[in-house]
């Protein structure tokens, strides 16, 4: 995963692809921790970035589980429905 993977990029993925991203990030985190323990880690910030990417994926998965992601889309659609109601009233 790239440093600082954007949430918008992750939202475009389906559930299976998110699981694959999560697995890749966890494997990378393991390798980075191993490098840190042996003194071979060159970029300490990469550890933090990968941990945050993992948290982003978990958050997206939980949002989908709770149905929060679809609620945001519906909330954005409401103003258009209200505009149609005003036009119908005229």
C-alpha atoms as a PDB file:
ATOM      1  CA  UNK A   1       0.000   0.000   0.000  1.00  0.00           C
ATOM      2  CA  UNK A   2       1.162   3.479  -0.714  1.00  0.00           C
ATOM      3  CA  UNK A   3       2.136   5.863   2.048  1.00  0.00           C
ATOM      4  CA  UNK A   4      -1.036   7.489   3.310  1.00  0.00           C
ATOM      5  CA  UNK A   5      -3.590   5.613   1.230  1.00  0.00           C
ATOM      6  CA  UNK A   6      -6.561   7.895   0.710  1.00  0.00           C
ATOM      7  CA  UNK A   7      -9.959   6.922   2.050  1.00  0.00           C
ATOM      8  CA  UNK A   8     -11.573   7.835  -1.267  1.00  0.00           C
ATOM      9  CA  UNK A   9      -9.410   5.211  -2.973  1.00  0.00           C
ATOM     10  CA  UNK A  10     -10.379   2.612  -0.377  1.00  0.00           C
ATOM     11  CA  UNK A  11     -14.096   3.415  -0.659  1.00  0.00           C
ATOM     12  CA  UNK A  12     -13.980   2.411  -4.334  1.00  0.00           C
ATOM     13  CA  UNK A  13     -12.923  -1.136  -3.399  1.00  0.00           C
ATOM     14  CA  UNK A  14     -15.365  -3.944  -2.702  1.00  0.00           C
ATOM     15  CA  UNK A  15     -15.258  -6.026   0.483  1.00  0.00           C
ATOM     16  CA  UNK A  16     -12.971  -8.732  -0.913  1.00  0.00           C
ATOM     17  CA  UNK A  17     -10.463  -6.174  -2.171  1.00  0.00           C
ATOM     18  CA  UNK A  18     -10.483  -4.480   1.241  1.00  0.00           C
ATOM     19  CA  UNK A  19      -9.635  -7.793   2.892  1.00  0.00           C
ATOM     20  CA  UNK A  20      -6.733  -8.224   0.457  1.00  0.00           C
ATOM     21  CA  UNK A  21      -5.474  -4.674   1.225  1.00  0.00           C
ATOM     22  CA  UNK A  22      -5.739  -5.409   4.942  1.00  0.00           C
ATOM     23  CA  UNK A  23      -3.763  -8.635   4.586  1.00  0.00           C
ATOM     24  CA  UNK A  24      -1.056  -6.876   2.546  1.00  0.00           C
ATOM     25  CA  UNK A  25      -0.789  -4.057   5.085  1.00  0.00           C
ATOM     26  CA  UNK A  26      -0.511  -6.486   7.990  1.00  0.00           C
ATOM     27  CA  UNK A  27       2.220  -8.416   6.204  1.00  0.00           C
ATOM     28  CA  UNK A  28       4.087  -5.185   5.522  1.00  0.00           C
ATOM     29  CA  UNK A  29       3.724  -4.138   9.156  1.00  0.00           C
ATOM     30  CA  UNK A  30       5.166  -7.477  10.249  1.00  0.00           C
ATOM     31  CA  UNK A  31       8.163  -7.032   7.946  1.00  0.00           C
ATOM     32  CA  UNK A  32       8.706  -3.460   9.145  1.00  0.00           C
ATOM     33  CA  UNK A  33       8.559  -4.505  12.802  1.00  0.00           C
ATOM     34  CA  UNK A  34      11.037  -7.264  12.099  1.00  0.00           C
ATOM     35  CA  UNK A  35      13.379  -4.788  10.411  1.00  0.00           C
ATOM     36  CA  UNK A  36      13.029  -2.419  13.368  1.00  0.00           C
ATOM     37  CA  UNK A  37      13.888  -5.198  15.804  1.00  0.00           C
ATOM     38  CA  UNK A  38      17.006  -6.158  13.860  1.00  0.00           C
ATOM     39  CA  UNK A  39      18.097  -2.564  13.324  1.00  0.00           C
ATOM     40  CA  UNK A  40      17.612  -2.623   9.560  1.00  0.00           C
ATOM     41  CA  UNK A  41      14.650  -0.237   9.362  1.00  0.00           C
ATOM     42  CA  UNK A  42      15.538   2.874   7.381  1.00  0.00           C
ATOM     43  CA  UNK A  43      12.205   4.751   7.432  1.00  0.00           C
ATOM     44  CA  UNK A  44      10.538   4.876  10.857  1.00  0.00           C
ATOM     45  CA  UNK A  45       7.588   6.893   9.524  1.00  0.00           C
ATOM     46  CA  UNK A  46       6.566   3.951   7.350  1.00  0.00           C
ATOM     47  CA  UNK A  47       5.532   2.020  10.485  1.00  0.00           C
ATOM     48  CA  UNK A  48       3.120   4.774  11.442  1.00  0.00           C
ATOM     49  CA  UNK A  49       1.713   5.101   7.916  1.00  0.00           C
ATOM     50  CA  UNK A  50       1.032   1.374   7.630  1.00  0.00           C
ATOM     51  CA  UNK A  51      -0.670   1.283  11.037  1.00  0.00           C
ATOM     52  CA  UNK A  52      -2.919   4.158   9.968  1.00  0.00           C
ATOM     53  CA  UNK A  53      -3.723   2.414   6.677  1.00  0.00           C
ATOM     54  CA  UNK A  54      -4.780  -0.676   8.623  1.00  0.00           C
ATOM     55  CA  UNK A  55      -7.007   1.477  10.833  1.00  0.00           C
ATOM     56  CA  UNK A  56      -8.578   3.095   7.746  1.00  0.00           C
ATOM     57  CA  UNK A  57      -9.437  -0.296   6.273  1.00  0.00           C
ATOM     58  CA  UNK A  58     -10.917  -1.518   9.561  1.00  0.00           C
ATOM     59  CA  UNK A  59     -12.967   1.680   9.846  1.00  0.00           C
ATOM     60  CA  UNK A  60     -14.346   1.298   6.323  1.00  0.00           C
ATOM     61  CA  UNK A  61     -15.216  -2.338   6.934  1.00  0.00           C
ATOM     62  CA  UNK A  62     -17.060  -1.411  10.134  1.00  0.00           C
ATOM     63  CA  UNK A  63     -18.923   1.434   8.400  1.00  0.00           C
ATOM     64  CA  UNK A  64     -20.145  -0.986   5.766  1.00  0.00           C
ATOM     65  CA  UNK A  65     -21.124  -3.494   8.434  1.00  0.00           C
ATOM     66  CA  UNK A  66     -23.217  -0.877  10.222  1.00  0.00           C
ATOM     67  CA  UNK A  67     -24.588   0.605   7.023  1.00  0.00           C
ATOM     68  CA  UNK A  68     -23.135   4.031   7.770  1.00  0.00           C
ATOM     69  CA  UNK A  69     -21.586   4.439   4.346  1.00  0.00           C
ATOM     70  CA  UNK A  70     -24.929   4.127   2.578  1.00  0.00           C
ATOM     71  CA  UNK A  71     -26.521   6.606   5.000  1.00  0.00           C
ATOM     72  CA  UNK A  72     -24.089   9.292   3.858  1.00  0.00           C
ATOM     73  CA  UNK A  73     -25.094   8.730   0.240  1.00  0.00           C
ATOM     74  CA  UNK A  74     -28.786   8.938   1.146  1.00  0.00           C
ATOM     75  CA  UNK A  75     -28.236  12.140   3.123  1.00  0.00           C
ATOM     76  CA  UNK A  76     -26.711  13.778   0.067  1.00  0.00           C
ATOM     77  CA  UNK A  77     -29.685  12.700  -2.060  1.00  0.00           C
ATOM     78  CA  UNK A  78     -32.270  14.332   0.224  1.00  0.00           C
ATOM     79  CA  UNK A  79     -31.866  17.942  -1.019  1.00  0.00           C
ATOM     80  CA  UNK A  80     -32.635  16.799  -4.557  1.00  0.00           C
ATOM     81  CA  UNK A  81     -35.787  15.052  -3.331  1.00  0.00           C
ATOM     82  CA  UNK A  82     -36.841  18.227  -1.543  1.00  0.00           C
ATOM     83  CA  UNK A  83     -36.319  20.265  -4.706  1.00  0.00           C
ATOM     84  CA  UNK A  84     -38.562  17.860  -6.621  1.00  0.00           C
ATOM     85  CA  UNK A  85     -41.223  18.174  -3.914  1.00  0.00           C
ATOM     86  CA  UNK A  86     -41.140  21.975  -4.236  1.00  0.00           C
ATOM     87  CA  UNK A  87     -41.499  21.724  -8.013  1.00  0.00           C
ATOM     88  CA  UNK A  88     -44.435  19.304  -7.651  1.00  0.00           C
ATOM     89  CA  UNK A  89     -46.139  21.701  -5.230  1.00  0.00           C
ATOM     90  CA  UNK A  90     -46.103  24.489  -7.808  1.00  0.00           C
END
